[in-house]
C-alpha atoms as a PDB file:
ATOM      1  CA  MET A   1       0.000   0.000   0.000  1.00  0.00           C
ATOM      2  CA  THR A   2       1.337   3.416  -0.956  1.00  0.00           C
ATOM      3  CA  LYS A   3       1.411   5.869   1.897  1.00  0.00           C
ATOM      4  CA  GLY A   4       1.038   9.602   1.541  1.00  0.00           C
ATOM      5  CA  THR A   5       3.556  12.111   2.779  1.00  0.00           C
ATOM      6  CA  HIS A   6       3.674  13.055   6.421  1.00  0.00           C
ATOM      7  CA  LYS A   7       2.285  16.469   5.402  1.00  0.00           C
ATOM      8  CA  THR A   8      -1.224  15.097   5.584  1.00  0.00           C
ATOM      9  CA  VAL A   9      -4.203  15.625   7.868  1.00  0.00           C
ATOM     10  CA  LEU A  10      -6.902  12.966   8.087  1.00  0.00           C
ATOM     11  CA  LEU A  11     -10.413  14.187   8.865  1.00  0.00           C
ATOM     12  CA  THR A  12     -13.248  11.747   9.432  1.00  0.00           C
ATOM     13  CA  GLY A  13     -16.996  12.150   9.752  1.00  0.00           C
ATOM     14  CA  PHE A  14     -19.822   9.687  10.227  1.00  0.00           C
ATOM     15  CA  GLU A  15     -22.698   8.428   8.157  1.00  0.00           C
ATOM     16  CA  PRO A  16     -26.207   9.320   9.415  1.00  0.00           C
ATOM     17  CA  PHE A  17     -27.580   7.393  12.395  1.00  0.00           C
ATOM     18  CA  GLY A  18     -30.479   7.405  14.834  1.00  0.00           C
ATOM     19  CA  GLY A  19     -33.099   8.094  12.186  1.00  0.00           C
ATOM     20  CA  GLU A  20     -31.378  11.179  10.732  1.00  0.00           C
ATOM     21  CA  SER A  21     -31.030  11.497   6.950  1.00  0.00           C
ATOM     22  CA  ILE A  22     -27.768  13.466   7.190  1.00  0.00           C
ATOM     23  CA  ASN A  23     -24.860  13.686   9.597  1.00  0.00           C
ATOM     24  CA  PRO A  24     -23.407  17.190  10.061  1.00  0.00           C
ATOM     25  CA  SER A  25     -19.933  15.758  10.663  1.00  0.00           C
ATOM     26  CA  TRP A  26     -19.627  14.326   7.165  1.00  0.00           C
ATOM     27  CA  GLN A  27     -21.502  17.268   5.630  1.00  0.00           C
ATOM     28  CA  ALA A  28     -18.725  19.552   6.899  1.00  0.00           C
ATOM     29  CA  VAL A  29     -15.707  17.241   6.684  1.00  0.00           C
ATOM     30  CA  HIS A  30     -16.079  16.205   3.046  1.00  0.00           C
ATOM     31  CA  GLN A  31     -15.945  19.856   1.956  1.00  0.00           C
ATOM     32  CA  LEU A  32     -12.325  20.046   3.100  1.00  0.00           C
ATOM     33  CA  ASP A  33     -10.961  17.114   1.098  1.00  0.00           C
ATOM     34  CA  GLY A  34      -7.892  18.276  -0.825  1.00  0.00           C
ATOM     35  CA  CYS A  35      -7.705  21.636   0.947  1.00  0.00           C
ATOM     36  CA  HIS A  36      -4.418  22.906   2.378  1.00  0.00           C
ATOM     37  CA  VAL A  37      -3.987  24.170   5.941  1.00  0.00           C
ATOM     38  CA  ALA A  38      -0.655  25.052   7.594  1.00  0.00           C
ATOM     39  CA  GLY A  39       1.302  23.334   4.830  1.00  0.00           C
ATOM     40  CA  HIS A  40      -0.674  20.089   5.085  1.00  0.00           C
ATOM     41  CA  THR A  41      -3.127  18.492   2.667  1.00  0.00           C
ATOM     42  CA  ILE A  42      -6.452  17.358   4.109  1.00  0.00           C
ATOM     43  CA  ARG A  43      -7.787  13.913   3.277  1.00  0.00           C
ATOM     44  CA  THR A  44     -11.236  12.801   4.418  1.00  0.00           C
ATOM     45  CA  LYS A  45     -13.011   9.554   5.216  1.00  0.00           C
ATOM     46  CA  GLU A  46     -16.648   8.785   6.038  1.00  0.00           C
ATOM     47  CA  LEU A  47     -16.846   6.207   8.809  1.00  0.00           C
ATOM     48  CA  PRO A  48     -19.770   3.847   9.358  1.00  0.00           C
ATOM     49  CA  CYS A  49     -21.739   4.352  12.555  1.00  0.00           C
ATOM     50  CA  LYS A  50     -20.928   0.789  13.555  1.00  0.00           C
ATOM     51  CA  PHE A  51     -18.892  -0.476  16.474  1.00  0.00           C
ATOM     52  CA  ASP A  52     -15.609  -2.149  15.427  1.00  0.00           C
ATOM     53  CA  HIS A  53     -16.235  -1.570  11.692  1.00  0.00           C
ATOM     54  CA  ALA A  54     -15.575   2.139  12.190  1.00  0.00           C
ATOM     55  CA  LEU A  55     -12.196   1.402  13.781  1.00  0.00           C
ATOM     56  CA  THR A  56     -11.225  -0.985  10.992  1.00  0.00           C
ATOM     57  CA  GLN A  57     -11.850   1.695   8.378  1.00  0.00           C
ATOM     58  CA  LEU A  58     -10.174   4.398  10.455  1.00  0.00           C
ATOM     59  CA  ASN A  59      -7.037   2.308  10.937  1.00  0.00           C
ATOM     60  CA  ARG A  60      -6.867   1.566   7.216  1.00  0.00           C
ATOM     61  CA  ALA A  61      -7.085   5.266   6.429  1.00  0.00           C
ATOM     62  CA  ILE A  62      -4.303   6.032   8.926  1.00  0.00           C
ATOM     63  CA  ASP A  63      -2.117   3.381   7.308  1.00  0.00           C
ATOM     64  CA  LYS A  64      -2.883   4.780   3.862  1.00  0.00           C
ATOM     65  CA  TYR A  65      -2.185   8.448   4.539  1.00  0.00           C
ATOM     66  CA  ALA A  66       0.362   8.337   7.409  1.00  0.00           C
ATOM     67  CA  PRO A  67      -1.071  11.640   8.692  1.00  0.00           C
ATOM     68  CA  ALA A  68       0.561  14.100  11.052  1.00  0.00           C
ATOM     69  CA  LEU A  69      -2.865  14.808  12.544  1.00  0.00           C
ATOM     70  CA  VAL A  70      -6.132  12.884  12.777  1.00  0.00           C
ATOM     71  CA  LEU A  71      -9.316  14.676  13.785  1.00  0.00           C
ATOM     72  CA  CYS A  72     -12.437  12.541  14.005  1.00  0.00           C
ATOM     73  CA  VAL A  73     -15.677  14.511  13.990  1.00  0.00           C
ATOM     74  CA  GLY A  74     -19.118  13.438  15.162  1.00  0.00           C
ATOM     75  CA  GLN A  75     -22.638  14.734  15.779  1.00  0.00           C
ATOM     76  CA  ALA A  76     -23.676  15.715  19.286  1.00  0.00           C
ATOM     77  CA  GLY A  77     -27.320  16.685  19.001  1.00  0.00           C
ATOM     78  CA  GLY A  78     -28.250  19.021  21.847  1.00  0.00           C
ATOM     79  CA  ARG A  79     -24.815  20.602  22.237  1.00  0.00           C
ATOM     80  CA  ALA A  80     -24.627  24.257  21.315  1.00  0.00           C
ATOM     81  CA  ASP A  81     -20.981  24.698  20.347  1.00  0.00           C
ATOM     82  CA  ILE A  82     -17.858  23.039  19.022  1.00  0.00           C
ATOM     83  CA  SER A  83     -16.855  20.493  21.673  1.00  0.00           C
ATOM     84  CA  ILE A  84     -13.181  19.563  21.826  1.00  0.00           C
ATOM     85  CA  GLU A  85     -13.083  16.188  23.540  1.00  0.00           C
ATOM     86  CA  ARG A  86     -10.416  15.790  26.206  1.00  0.00           C
ATOM     87  CA  VAL A  87     -10.751  12.095  27.146  1.00  0.00           C
ATOM     88  CA  ALA A  88     -11.965   8.755  25.777  1.00  0.00           C
ATOM     89  CA  ILE A  89     -12.856   5.832  28.068  1.00  0.00           C
ATOM     90  CA  ASN A  90     -12.536   2.111  27.470  1.00  0.00           C
ATOM     91  CA  ILE A  91     -16.202   1.225  27.521  1.00  0.00           C
ATOM     92  CA  ASN A  92     -19.073   0.694  25.115  1.00  0.00           C
ATOM     93  CA  ASP A  93     -22.535   1.326  26.552  1.00  0.00           C
ATOM     94  CA  ALA A  94     -24.881   1.921  23.648  1.00  0.00           C
ATOM     95  CA  ARG A  95     -28.200   3.621  24.402  1.00  0.00           C
ATOM     96  CA  ILE A  96     -29.412   2.736  20.889  1.00  0.00           C
ATOM     97  CA  PRO A  97     -28.258   0.127  18.368  1.00  0.00           C
ATOM     98  CA  ASP A  98     -25.661   1.149  15.812  1.00  0.00           C
ATOM     99  CA  ASN A  99     -26.350   1.017  12.071  1.00  0.00           C
ATOM    100  CA  ALA A 100     -25.593  -2.717  12.024  1.00  0.00           C
ATOM    101  CA  GLY A 101     -28.024  -3.399  14.864  1.00  0.00           C
ATOM    102  CA  ALA A 102     -25.290  -3.970  17.453  1.00  0.00           C
ATOM    103  CA  GLN A 103     -25.878  -2.605  20.952  1.00  0.00           C
ATOM    104  CA  PRO A 104     -22.912  -3.471  23.186  1.00  0.00           C
ATOM    105  CA  ILE A 105     -23.520  -2.773  26.863  1.00  0.00           C
ATOM    106  CA  ASP A 106     -20.701  -2.493  29.405  1.00  0.00           C
ATOM    107  CA  THR A 107     -18.064  -4.004  27.124  1.00  0.00           C
ATOM    108  CA  PRO A 108     -14.531  -2.665  26.599  1.00  0.00           C
ATOM    109  CA  VAL A 109     -13.600  -0.871  23.407  1.00  0.00           C
ATOM    110  CA  LEU A 110     -10.387  -2.892  23.498  1.00  0.00           C
ATOM    111  CA  ALA A 111      -9.961  -5.727  25.989  1.00  0.00           C
ATOM    112  CA  GLY A 112      -6.900  -5.189  28.153  1.00  0.00           C
ATOM    113  CA  GLY A 113      -6.517  -1.564  27.121  1.00  0.00           C
ATOM    114  CA  PRO A 114      -6.015   1.260  29.620  1.00  0.00           C
ATOM    115  CA  ALA A 115      -9.066   2.768  31.299  1.00  0.00           C
ATOM    116  CA  ALA A 116      -8.779   5.992  29.316  1.00  0.00           C
ATOM    117  CA  TYR A 117      -6.720   8.062  26.911  1.00  0.00           C
ATOM    118  CA  PHE A 118      -6.351  11.816  26.818  1.00  0.00           C
ATOM    119  CA  ALA A 119      -6.539  13.540  23.439  1.00  0.00           C
ATOM    120  CA  ALA A 120      -3.137  13.978  21.806  1.00  0.00           C
ATOM    121  CA  LEU A 121      -3.963  17.593  21.006  1.00  0.00           C
ATOM    122  CA  PRO A 122      -3.272  21.098  22.362  1.00  0.00           C
ATOM    123  CA  VAL A 123      -6.926  21.342  23.387  1.00  0.00           C
ATOM    124  CA  LYS A 124      -6.642  24.678  25.233  1.00  0.00           C
ATOM    125  CA  HIS A 125      -4.855  26.342  22.308  1.00  0.00           C
ATOM    126  CA  MET A 126      -7.531  25.033  19.976  1.00  0.00           C
ATOM    127  CA  LEU A 127     -10.230  26.393  22.265  1.00  0.00           C
ATOM    128  CA  ASN A 128      -8.546  29.769  22.533  1.00  0.00           C
ATOM    129  CA  ASP A 129      -8.061  30.036  18.771  1.00  0.00           C
ATOM    130  CA  LEU A 130     -11.719  29.173  18.126  1.00  0.00           C
ATOM    131  CA  ARG A 131     -12.857  31.844  20.556  1.00  0.00           C
ATOM    132  CA  GLN A 132     -10.493  34.354  18.970  1.00  0.00           C
ATOM    133  CA  ALA A 133     -12.226  33.527  15.680  1.00  0.00           C
ATOM    134  CA  GLN A 134     -15.611  34.232  17.330  1.00  0.00           C
ATOM    135  CA  ILE A 135     -16.694  30.593  17.071  1.00  0.00           C
ATOM    136  CA  PRO A 136     -18.547  29.162  20.102  1.00  0.00           C
ATOM    137  CA  ALA A 137     -16.484  26.356  21.621  1.00  0.00           C
ATOM    138  CA  SER A 138     -15.750  24.468  24.823  1.00  0.00           C
ATOM    139  CA  ILE A 139     -13.708  21.606  26.228  1.00  0.00           C
ATOM    140  CA  SER A 140     -15.773  18.461  26.813  1.00  0.00           C
ATOM    141  CA  ASN A 141     -14.783  15.822  29.346  1.00  0.00           C
ATOM    142  CA  THR A 142     -17.051  13.106  27.994  1.00  0.00           C
ATOM    143  CA  ALA A 143     -17.303  11.799  24.454  1.00  0.00           C
ATOM    144  CA  GLY A 144     -20.231   9.623  25.516  1.00  0.00           C
ATOM    145  CA  THR A 145     -20.246   5.827  25.409  1.00  0.00           C
ATOM    146  CA  TYR A 146     -21.466   5.315  21.839  1.00  0.00           C
ATOM    147  CA  VAL A 147     -19.553   5.034  18.546  1.00  0.00           C
ATOM    148  CA  CYS A 148     -17.901   8.453  18.893  1.00  0.00           C
ATOM    149  CA  ASN A 149     -16.125   7.518  22.126  1.00  0.00           C
ATOM    150  CA  HIS A 150     -15.398   4.101  20.618  1.00  0.00           C
ATOM    151  CA  VAL A 151     -13.623   5.755  17.681  1.00  0.00           C
ATOM    152  CA  MET A 152     -11.762   8.291  19.816  1.00  0.00           C
ATOM    153  CA  TYR A 153     -10.462   5.583  22.150  1.00  0.00           C
ATOM    154  CA  GLY A 154      -9.540   3.326  19.245  1.00  0.00           C
ATOM    155  CA  LEU A 155      -7.712   6.154  17.470  1.00  0.00           C
ATOM    156  CA  LEU A 156      -5.613   7.068  20.483  1.00  0.00           C
ATOM    157  CA  HIS A 157      -4.873   3.411  21.240  1.00  0.00           C
ATOM    158  CA  TYR A 158      -3.720   2.869  17.640  1.00  0.00           C
ATOM    159  CA  ILE A 159      -1.424   5.901  17.790  1.00  0.00           C
ATOM    160  CA  ASN A 160       0.003   4.739  21.123  1.00  0.00           C
ATOM    161  CA  GLU A 161       0.411   1.060  20.281  1.00  0.00           C
ATOM    162  CA  HIS A 162       2.054   1.744  16.913  1.00  0.00           C
ATOM    163  CA  GLN A 163       4.123   4.639  18.307  1.00  0.00           C
ATOM    164  CA  LEU A 164       3.006   6.912  15.486  1.00  0.00           C
ATOM    165  CA  ASN A 165       4.380  10.413  15.150  1.00  0.00           C
ATOM    166  CA  CYS A 166       0.835  11.688  14.951  1.00  0.00           C
ATOM    167  CA  ARG A 167      -1.531  13.841  16.938  1.00  0.00           C
ATOM    168  CA  GLY A 168      -5.153  12.845  17.255  1.00  0.00           C
ATOM    169  CA  GLY A 169      -8.466  13.489  18.922  1.00  0.00           C
ATOM    170  CA  PHE A 170     -12.193  13.939  18.550  1.00  0.00           C
ATOM    171  CA  ILE A 171     -14.490  16.905  17.917  1.00  0.00           C
ATOM    172  CA  HIS A 172     -18.247  16.940  18.524  1.00  0.00           C
ATOM    173  CA  ILE A 173     -20.416  19.398  16.607  1.00  0.00           C
ATOM    174  CA  PRO A 174     -24.073  20.476  16.938  1.00  0.00           C
ATOM    175  CA  TYR A 175     -26.968  19.705  14.633  1.00  0.00           C
ATOM    176  CA  LEU A 176     -27.205  21.575  11.352  1.00  0.00           C
ATOM    177  CA  PRO A 177     -30.097  24.090  11.228  1.00  0.00           C
ATOM    178  CA  GLU A 178     -32.092  21.809   8.926  1.00  0.00           C
ATOM    179  CA  GLN A 179     -31.889  19.055  11.548  1.00  0.00           C
ATOM    180  CA  ALA A 180     -32.755  21.368  14.430  1.00  0.00           C
ATOM    181  CA  THR A 181     -36.038  22.339  12.782  1.00  0.00           C
ATOM    182  CA  HIS A 182     -37.243  18.829  13.666  1.00  0.00           C
ATOM    183  CA  GLN A 183     -35.853  18.952  17.219  1.00  0.00           C
ATOM    184  CA  ILE A 184     -37.804  21.505  19.260  1.00  0.00           C
ATOM    185  CA  GLY A 185     -35.448  23.758  21.175  1.00  0.00           C
ATOM    186  CA  ALA A 186     -32.266  22.112  19.869  1.00  0.00           C
ATOM    187  CA  PRO A 187     -29.307  24.405  19.137  1.00  0.00           C
ATOM    188  CA  SER A 188     -27.571  24.259  15.778  1.00  0.00           C
ATOM    189  CA  MET A 189     -24.565  25.522  13.854  1.00  0.00           C
ATOM    190  CA  SER A 190     -24.285  26.152  10.124  1.00  0.00           C
ATOM    191  CA  ALA A 191     -22.052  23.966   7.951  1.00  0.00           C
ATOM    192  CA  PRO A 192     -19.908  26.953   6.834  1.00  0.00           C
ATOM    193  CA  GLN A 193     -19.177  27.847  10.456  1.00  0.00           C
ATOM    194  CA  VAL A 194     -18.275  24.232  11.248  1.00  0.00           C
ATOM    195  CA  VAL A 195     -15.942  24.181   8.238  1.00  0.00           C
ATOM    196  CA  ASP A 196     -14.308  27.393   9.458  1.00  0.00           C
ATOM    197  CA  ALA A 197     -13.954  25.860  12.930  1.00  0.00           C
ATOM    198  CA  LEU A 198     -12.263  22.762  11.536  1.00  0.00           C
ATOM    199  CA  LYS A 199      -9.730  24.902   9.670  1.00  0.00           C
ATOM    200  CA  VAL A 200      -8.951  26.852  12.837  1.00  0.00           C
ATOM    201  CA  MET A 201      -8.527  23.686  14.895  1.00  0.00           C
ATOM    202  CA  ILE A 202      -6.331  21.985  12.301  1.00  0.00           C
ATOM    203  CA  SER A 203      -4.044  25.010  12.098  1.00  0.00           C
ATOM    204  CA  SER A 204      -3.909  25.277  15.873  1.00  0.00           C
ATOM    205  CA  ALA A 205      -3.150  21.579  16.365  1.00  0.00           C
ATOM    206  CA  LEU A 206      -0.366  21.665  13.795  1.00  0.00           C
ATOM    207  CA  THR A 207       1.347  24.838  14.986  1.00  0.00           C
ATOM    208  CA  HIS A 208       1.334  24.564  18.798  1.00  0.00           C
ATOM    209  CA  ASP A 209       3.766  22.097  20.348  1.00  0.00           C
ATOM    210  CA  THR A 210       2.753  22.832  23.940  1.00  0.00           C
ATOM    211  CA  ASP A 211      -0.625  23.718  25.371  1.00  0.00           C
ATOM    212  CA  LEU A 212      -1.933  26.771  27.173  1.00  0.00           C
ATOM    213  CA  GLN A 213      -2.855  26.726  30.844  1.00  0.00           C
ATOM    214  CA  ILE A 214      -6.185  28.505  30.854  1.00  0.00           C
ATOM    215  CA  ALA A 215      -9.311  27.647  32.832  1.00  0.00           C
ATOM    216  CA  ALA A 216     -11.792  25.708  30.745  1.00  0.00           C
ATOM    217  CA  GLY A 217     -13.119  23.138  33.198  1.00  0.00           C
ATOM    218  CA  THR A 218     -16.564  22.596  34.658  1.00  0.00           C
ATOM    219  CA  THR A 219     -17.871  22.356  38.210  1.00  0.00           C
ATOM    220  CA  HIS A 220     -20.168  19.409  37.473  1.00  0.00           C
END
C-alpha cells in the first residue's frame, strides 16, 4: 500500500444514524478534502456508525495516509458549540443500536486496554483560537459511550500502540439548522461555520507544540 507524505491531515466524519437522513460531521468534513492548511493536505473519510467496523476503516485510512494529525468529527445533538473532547474511556454502553443493529452494553472498546486516553492535542490552544475567531467552543470531558467515544479511544490506542508520530483526537459538533427544525429547542450551527472551525482547529493543532494553561473546566 502506498502511503502519503507526512504532510497530511486525516479528517473523518460519520454516516447518518439514529433516524437522521444526514450527519453534520460528514456534511462539513467532506468539503475540506484536498484543501491545504498550515502546509498540510487534508484527506477525508466517512466512517460507518458501527462499532468495530468504524475502527477498521479508520485504521486503514491512517495506514494509507500516514497523517501528522487525525481529527475525528461526530454529531452531538443538543450541544450548542464546538466540543473539543479531552478524554476517551474504554467502555461501550450503547443507548441505541448502531447502524448494524449492534448494541454493546458495558463491554470494553479494546480488551486489556487502559481505562482511558487523553486527546493527543493542544486542546486549550484550539479552544482559545476558536474563541479568537468568534466561534462558540468548549472543552468536553465526555465523548459519551457510543460510537464516537469508541472511535476516539480506538484512534488514540492505535497511535500509542504503533508509536506513530501523529496527533489525534475527537471533535463533537451540533446539529445543522435543517436538523434542528425537527428537534424543538435544539441548538444548531451552520455547515460553513463548522468548516471554518475545523480549519482553525487543524491550524492550531499543527502549529502549537505545547498547550496553554487557561481555565476551561466545569464544576459538574
